[in-house]
Amino acid sequence: MPTDRLPPFDHWPAQHVDPHYGYAWYCGKALIVSHITVTRGTVAAAHAYHDFESRILHEHARDVEAQGGIFVIHDWRAMVTYETDARRVWQERMQARRKGYLRGSIVCLLKANPLLRMAVQAANLVASVTHNVKVELATDIDAILAEYDAHPEPPRSRRPS
């Protein structure tokens, strides 16, 4: 199980954890935040994240529809490299979704990682052509989280049975 969360996520309550990817949170208003903790993007990591995203699209379909699609903030500062097949799976999963599922995305990377920048640019091309949205690059995760008022959605209260 991933445990090496970078700030500010080291203080966020765990909502979704996958050993192949890291952490992800649904923040309400059709906003997802993901925090990868593995250094190598693998096919298993791509499927792990997209399986979470599929679940959110299903469980929060009304919210997603009302907001005009999901918005995703990916914190990929920990990732150093990725498998070519992982990039292919990521793009295929994006392309397989219905048009309009995504209203935008920001990927936060370390400044000096040209390989990952190239992968994000490829994902931006897929998002632009397939879904008519933009995938942006950033380096300051705190500023992005503040700009989008991103924080974990509180757990749903359960009614007594």
C-alpha atoms as a PDB file:
ATOM      1  CA  MET A   1       0.000   0.000   0.000  1.00  0.00           C
ATOM      2  CA  PRO A   2       1.431   3.427  -0.915  1.00  0.00           C
ATOM      3  CA  THR A   3       2.376   5.522   2.092  1.00  0.00           C
ATOM      4  CA  ASP A   4       4.892   8.059   0.840  1.00  0.00           C
ATOM      5  CA  ARG A   5       2.485  10.901   0.141  1.00  0.00           C
ATOM      6  CA  LEU A   6       4.014  14.254  -0.677  1.00  0.00           C
ATOM      7  CA  PRO A   7       2.678  17.445   0.937  1.00  0.00           C
ATOM      8  CA  PRO A   8      -0.054  18.583   1.013  1.00  0.00           C
ATOM      9  CA  PHE A   9      -1.520  15.102   0.509  1.00  0.00           C
ATOM     10  CA  ASP A  10       0.241  13.694   3.557  1.00  0.00           C
ATOM     11  CA  HIS A  11      -2.511  15.440   5.559  1.00  0.00           C
ATOM     12  CA  TRP A  12      -5.467  14.493   3.361  1.00  0.00           C
ATOM     13  CA  PRO A  13      -7.574  11.585   4.624  1.00  0.00           C
ATOM     14  CA  ALA A  14      -7.180   8.479   2.456  1.00  0.00           C
ATOM     15  CA  GLN A  15     -10.286   8.125   0.299  1.00  0.00           C
ATOM     16  CA  HIS A  16      -9.103   5.796  -2.469  1.00  0.00           C
ATOM     17  CA  VAL A  17      -5.771   3.972  -2.317  1.00  0.00           C
ATOM     18  CA  ASP A  18      -4.281   1.648  -4.915  1.00  0.00           C
ATOM     19  CA  PRO A  19      -0.781   0.137  -4.582  1.00  0.00           C
ATOM     20  CA  HIS A  20      -0.218   0.400  -8.346  1.00  0.00           C
ATOM     21  CA  TYR A  21      -0.974   4.138  -8.519  1.00  0.00           C
ATOM     22  CA  GLY A  22      -1.291   5.920  -5.211  1.00  0.00           C
ATOM     23  CA  TYR A  23      -4.191   8.029  -3.979  1.00  0.00           C
ATOM     24  CA  ALA A  24      -7.266   9.653  -5.472  1.00  0.00           C
ATOM     25  CA  TRP A  25     -10.054  11.786  -4.061  1.00  0.00           C
ATOM     26  CA  TYR A  26     -13.452  12.855  -5.234  1.00  0.00           C
ATOM     27  CA  CYS A  27     -13.809  16.478  -4.136  1.00  0.00           C
ATOM     28  CA  GLY A  28     -17.423  17.145  -5.122  1.00  0.00           C
ATOM     29  CA  LYS A  29     -18.507  19.366  -8.016  1.00  0.00           C
ATOM     30  CA  ALA A  30     -17.211  16.715 -10.445  1.00  0.00           C
ATOM     31  CA  LEU A  31     -13.601  17.333  -9.378  1.00  0.00           C
ATOM     32  CA  ILE A  32     -11.060  14.534  -8.954  1.00  0.00           C
ATOM     33  CA  VAL A  33      -7.592  14.922  -7.466  1.00  0.00           C
ATOM     34  CA  SER A  34      -5.050  12.135  -7.952  1.00  0.00           C
ATOM     35  CA  HIS A  35      -1.636  11.797  -6.312  1.00  0.00           C
ATOM     36  CA  ILE A  36       0.660   9.209  -7.815  1.00  0.00           C
ATOM     37  CA  THR A  37       3.188   7.744  -5.388  1.00  0.00           C
ATOM     38  CA  VAL A  38       4.934   5.284  -7.695  1.00  0.00           C
ATOM     39  CA  THR A  39       7.979   6.459  -9.626  1.00  0.00           C
ATOM     40  CA  ARG A  40       7.193   4.449 -12.756  1.00  0.00           C
ATOM     41  CA  GLY A  41       3.902   4.684 -14.592  1.00  0.00           C
ATOM     42  CA  THR A  42       2.839   1.155 -15.495  1.00  0.00           C
ATOM     43  CA  VAL A  43      -0.091  -0.432 -17.291  1.00  0.00           C
ATOM     44  CA  ALA A  44      -1.416  -1.461 -13.867  1.00  0.00           C
ATOM     45  CA  ALA A  45      -1.157   2.162 -12.680  1.00  0.00           C
ATOM     46  CA  ALA A  46      -3.049   3.437 -15.731  1.00  0.00           C
ATOM     47  CA  HIS A  47      -5.826   0.911 -15.208  1.00  0.00           C
ATOM     48  CA  ALA A  48      -5.916   1.604 -11.457  1.00  0.00           C
ATOM     49  CA  TYR A  49      -6.498   5.324 -11.967  1.00  0.00           C
ATOM     50  CA  HIS A  50      -9.001   4.888 -14.814  1.00  0.00           C
ATOM     51  CA  ASP A  51     -10.957   2.285 -12.855  1.00  0.00           C
ATOM     52  CA  PHE A  52     -11.346   4.876 -10.067  1.00  0.00           C
ATOM     53  CA  GLU A  53     -12.375   7.513 -12.587  1.00  0.00           C
ATOM     54  CA  SER A  54     -14.958   5.136 -14.091  1.00  0.00           C
ATOM     55  CA  ARG A  55     -16.401   4.541 -10.644  1.00  0.00           C
ATOM     56  CA  ILE A  56     -16.670   8.280  -9.999  1.00  0.00           C
ATOM     57  CA  LEU A  57     -18.308   8.867 -13.387  1.00  0.00           C
ATOM     58  CA  HIS A  58     -20.892   6.223 -12.510  1.00  0.00           C
ATOM     59  CA  GLU A  59     -21.498   7.048  -8.835  1.00  0.00           C
ATOM     60  CA  HIS A  60     -21.605  10.823  -9.361  1.00  0.00           C
ATOM     61  CA  ALA A  61     -23.205  10.888 -12.818  1.00  0.00           C
ATOM     62  CA  ARG A  62     -25.685  13.632 -11.905  1.00  0.00           C
ATOM     63  CA  ASP A  63     -22.959  15.839 -10.483  1.00  0.00           C
ATOM     64  CA  VAL A  64     -20.745  15.209 -13.525  1.00  0.00           C
ATOM     65  CA  GLU A  65     -23.617  16.059 -15.882  1.00  0.00           C
ATOM     66  CA  ALA A  66     -24.507  19.222 -13.948  1.00  0.00           C
ATOM     67  CA  GLN A  67     -20.883  20.417 -14.053  1.00  0.00           C
ATOM     68  CA  GLY A  68     -20.415  19.639 -17.757  1.00  0.00           C
ATOM     69  CA  GLY A  69     -17.954  16.782 -17.176  1.00  0.00           C
ATOM     70  CA  ILE A  70     -15.261  15.979 -14.672  1.00  0.00           C
ATOM     71  CA  PHE A  71     -12.242  18.132 -14.013  1.00  0.00           C
ATOM     72  CA  VAL A  72      -9.102  16.276 -12.942  1.00  0.00           C
ATOM     73  CA  ILE A  73      -6.014  17.515 -11.131  1.00  0.00           C
ATOM     74  CA  HIS A  74      -3.194  14.960 -11.332  1.00  0.00           C
ATOM     75  CA  ASP A  75      -0.188  15.300  -9.059  1.00  0.00           C
ATOM     76  CA  TRP A  76       2.510  13.334 -10.849  1.00  0.00           C
ATOM     77  CA  ARG A  77       5.518  14.912  -9.082  1.00  0.00           C
ATOM     78  CA  ALA A  78       6.696  11.499  -7.829  1.00  0.00           C
ATOM     79  CA  MET A  79       6.673   9.858 -11.267  1.00  0.00           C
ATOM     80  CA  VAL A  80      10.032   9.720 -13.023  1.00  0.00           C
ATOM     81  CA  THR A  81       9.263   7.543 -16.050  1.00  0.00           C
ATOM     82  CA  TYR A  82       6.553   5.393 -17.590  1.00  0.00           C
ATOM     83  CA  GLU A  83       6.084   2.325 -19.746  1.00  0.00           C
ATOM     84  CA  THR A  84       5.091   2.965 -23.350  1.00  0.00           C
ATOM     85  CA  ASP A  85       2.172   0.566 -22.919  1.00  0.00           C
ATOM     86  CA  ALA A  86       0.990   2.590 -19.920  1.00  0.00           C
ATOM     87  CA  ARG A  87       0.690   5.699 -22.091  1.00  0.00           C
ATOM     88  CA  ARG A  88      -1.200   3.665 -24.698  1.00  0.00           C
ATOM     89  CA  VAL A  89      -3.640   2.315 -22.081  1.00  0.00           C
ATOM     90  CA  TRP A  90      -4.149   5.815 -20.630  1.00  0.00           C
ATOM     91  CA  GLN A  91      -5.001   7.226 -24.052  1.00  0.00           C
ATOM     92  CA  GLU A  92      -7.239   4.282 -24.991  1.00  0.00           C
ATOM     93  CA  ARG A  93      -9.204   4.643 -21.759  1.00  0.00           C
ATOM     94  CA  MET A  94      -9.671   8.370 -22.447  1.00  0.00           C
ATOM     95  CA  GLN A  95     -10.758   7.748 -26.024  1.00  0.00           C
ATOM     96  CA  ALA A  96     -13.251   5.059 -24.980  1.00  0.00           C
ATOM     97  CA  ARG A  97     -15.211   7.447 -22.766  1.00  0.00           C
ATOM     98  CA  ARG A  98     -18.213   9.318 -24.078  1.00  0.00           C
ATOM     99  CA  LYS A  99     -17.635  12.778 -25.504  1.00  0.00           C
ATOM    100  CA  GLY A 100     -18.131  15.409 -22.833  1.00  0.00           C
ATOM    101  CA  TYR A 101     -17.067  13.292 -19.857  1.00  0.00           C
ATOM    102  CA  LEU A 102     -14.048  15.576 -19.292  1.00  0.00           C
ATOM    103  CA  ARG A 103     -14.217  19.350 -18.946  1.00  0.00           C
ATOM    104  CA  GLY A 104     -10.479  19.764 -18.353  1.00  0.00           C
ATOM    105  CA  SER A 105      -7.387  18.522 -16.583  1.00  0.00           C
ATOM    106  CA  ILE A 106      -4.194  19.807 -15.042  1.00  0.00           C
ATOM    107  CA  VAL A 107      -1.103  17.658 -14.556  1.00  0.00           C
ATOM    108  CA  CYS A 108       1.449  18.818 -12.008  1.00  0.00           C
ATOM    109  CA  LEU A 109       4.990  17.656 -12.769  1.00  0.00           C
ATOM    110  CA  LEU A 110       8.462  18.433 -11.548  1.00  0.00           C
ATOM    111  CA  LYS A 111       9.975  21.161 -13.698  1.00  0.00           C
ATOM    112  CA  ALA A 112      12.804  19.086 -15.155  1.00  0.00           C
ATOM    113  CA  ASN A 113      11.049  16.065 -16.564  1.00  0.00           C
ATOM    114  CA  PRO A 114      10.881  16.338 -20.370  1.00  0.00           C
ATOM    115  CA  LEU A 115       9.784  12.701 -20.838  1.00  0.00           C
ATOM    116  CA  LEU A 116       6.656  13.193 -18.755  1.00  0.00           C
ATOM    117  CA  ARG A 117       5.980  16.569 -20.353  1.00  0.00           C
ATOM    118  CA  MET A 118       5.965  14.812 -23.727  1.00  0.00           C
ATOM    119  CA  ALA A 119       3.488  12.206 -22.414  1.00  0.00           C
ATOM    120  CA  VAL A 120       1.172  14.929 -21.098  1.00  0.00           C
ATOM    121  CA  GLN A 121       1.351  16.707 -24.444  1.00  0.00           C
ATOM    122  CA  ALA A 122       0.298  13.449 -26.136  1.00  0.00           C
ATOM    123  CA  ALA A 123      -2.625  13.136 -23.685  1.00  0.00           C
ATOM    124  CA  ASN A 124      -3.499  16.756 -24.444  1.00  0.00           C
ATOM    125  CA  LEU A 125      -3.700  15.896 -28.124  1.00  0.00           C
ATOM    126  CA  VAL A 126      -6.060  12.987 -27.382  1.00  0.00           C
ATOM    127  CA  ALA A 127      -8.190  15.166 -25.083  1.00  0.00           C
ATOM    128  CA  SER A 128      -8.312  17.970 -27.639  1.00  0.00           C
ATOM    129  CA  VAL A 129      -9.240  15.780 -30.588  1.00  0.00           C
ATOM    130  CA  THR A 130     -11.534  13.332 -28.807  1.00  0.00           C
ATOM    131  CA  HIS A 131     -13.168  15.522 -26.153  1.00  0.00           C
ATOM    132  CA  ASN A 132     -12.459  19.108 -27.254  1.00  0.00           C
ATOM    133  CA  VAL A 133     -10.765  19.979 -23.930  1.00  0.00           C
ATOM    134  CA  LYS A 134      -7.289  20.930 -22.816  1.00  0.00           C
ATOM    135  CA  VAL A 135      -4.845  19.158 -20.520  1.00  0.00           C
ATOM    136  CA  GLU A 136      -2.610  21.780 -18.918  1.00  0.00           C
ATOM    137  CA  LEU A 137       0.795  21.455 -17.277  1.00  0.00           C
ATOM    138  CA  ALA A 138       1.696  22.985 -13.920  1.00  0.00           C
ATOM    139  CA  THR A 139       4.483  22.727 -11.352  1.00  0.00           C
ATOM    140  CA  ASP A 140       2.893  24.232  -8.206  1.00  0.00           C
ATOM    141  CA  ILE A 141       0.332  21.789  -6.793  1.00  0.00           C
ATOM    142  CA  ASP A 142      -0.563  24.052  -3.862  1.00  0.00           C
ATOM    143  CA  ALA A 143      -1.501  26.918  -6.176  1.00  0.00           C
ATOM    144  CA  ILE A 144      -3.594  24.620  -8.381  1.00  0.00           C
ATOM    145  CA  LEU A 145      -5.465  23.120  -5.404  1.00  0.00           C
ATOM    146  CA  ALA A 146      -6.161  26.616  -4.064  1.00  0.00           C
ATOM    147  CA  GLU A 147      -7.316  27.910  -7.458  1.00  0.00           C
ATOM    148  CA  TYR A 148      -9.844  25.087  -7.806  1.00  0.00           C
ATOM    149  CA  ASP A 149     -10.759  24.982  -4.092  1.00  0.00           C
ATOM    150  CA  ALA A 150      -9.866  21.288  -4.161  1.00  0.00           C
ATOM    151  CA  HIS A 151     -10.193  19.310  -0.945  1.00  0.00           C
ATOM    152  CA  PRO A 152     -11.572  15.861  -0.192  1.00  0.00           C
ATOM    153  CA  GLU A 153     -15.326  15.552  -0.113  1.00  0.00           C
ATOM    154  CA  PRO A 154     -16.467  14.663   3.405  1.00  0.00           C
ATOM    155  CA  PRO A 155     -17.666  11.073   3.791  1.00  0.00           C
ATOM    156  CA  ARG A 156     -21.361  10.650   3.121  1.00  0.00           C
ATOM    157  CA  SER A 157     -23.347  10.248   6.274  1.00  0.00           C
ATOM    158  CA  ARG A 158     -25.152   6.955   6.454  1.00  0.00           C
ATOM    159  CA  ARG A 159     -28.733   6.828   7.570  1.00  0.00           C
ATOM    160  CA  PRO A 160     -29.499   4.355  10.320  1.00  0.00           C
ATOM    161  CA  SER A 161     -31.280   1.288   8.965  1.00  0.00           C
END
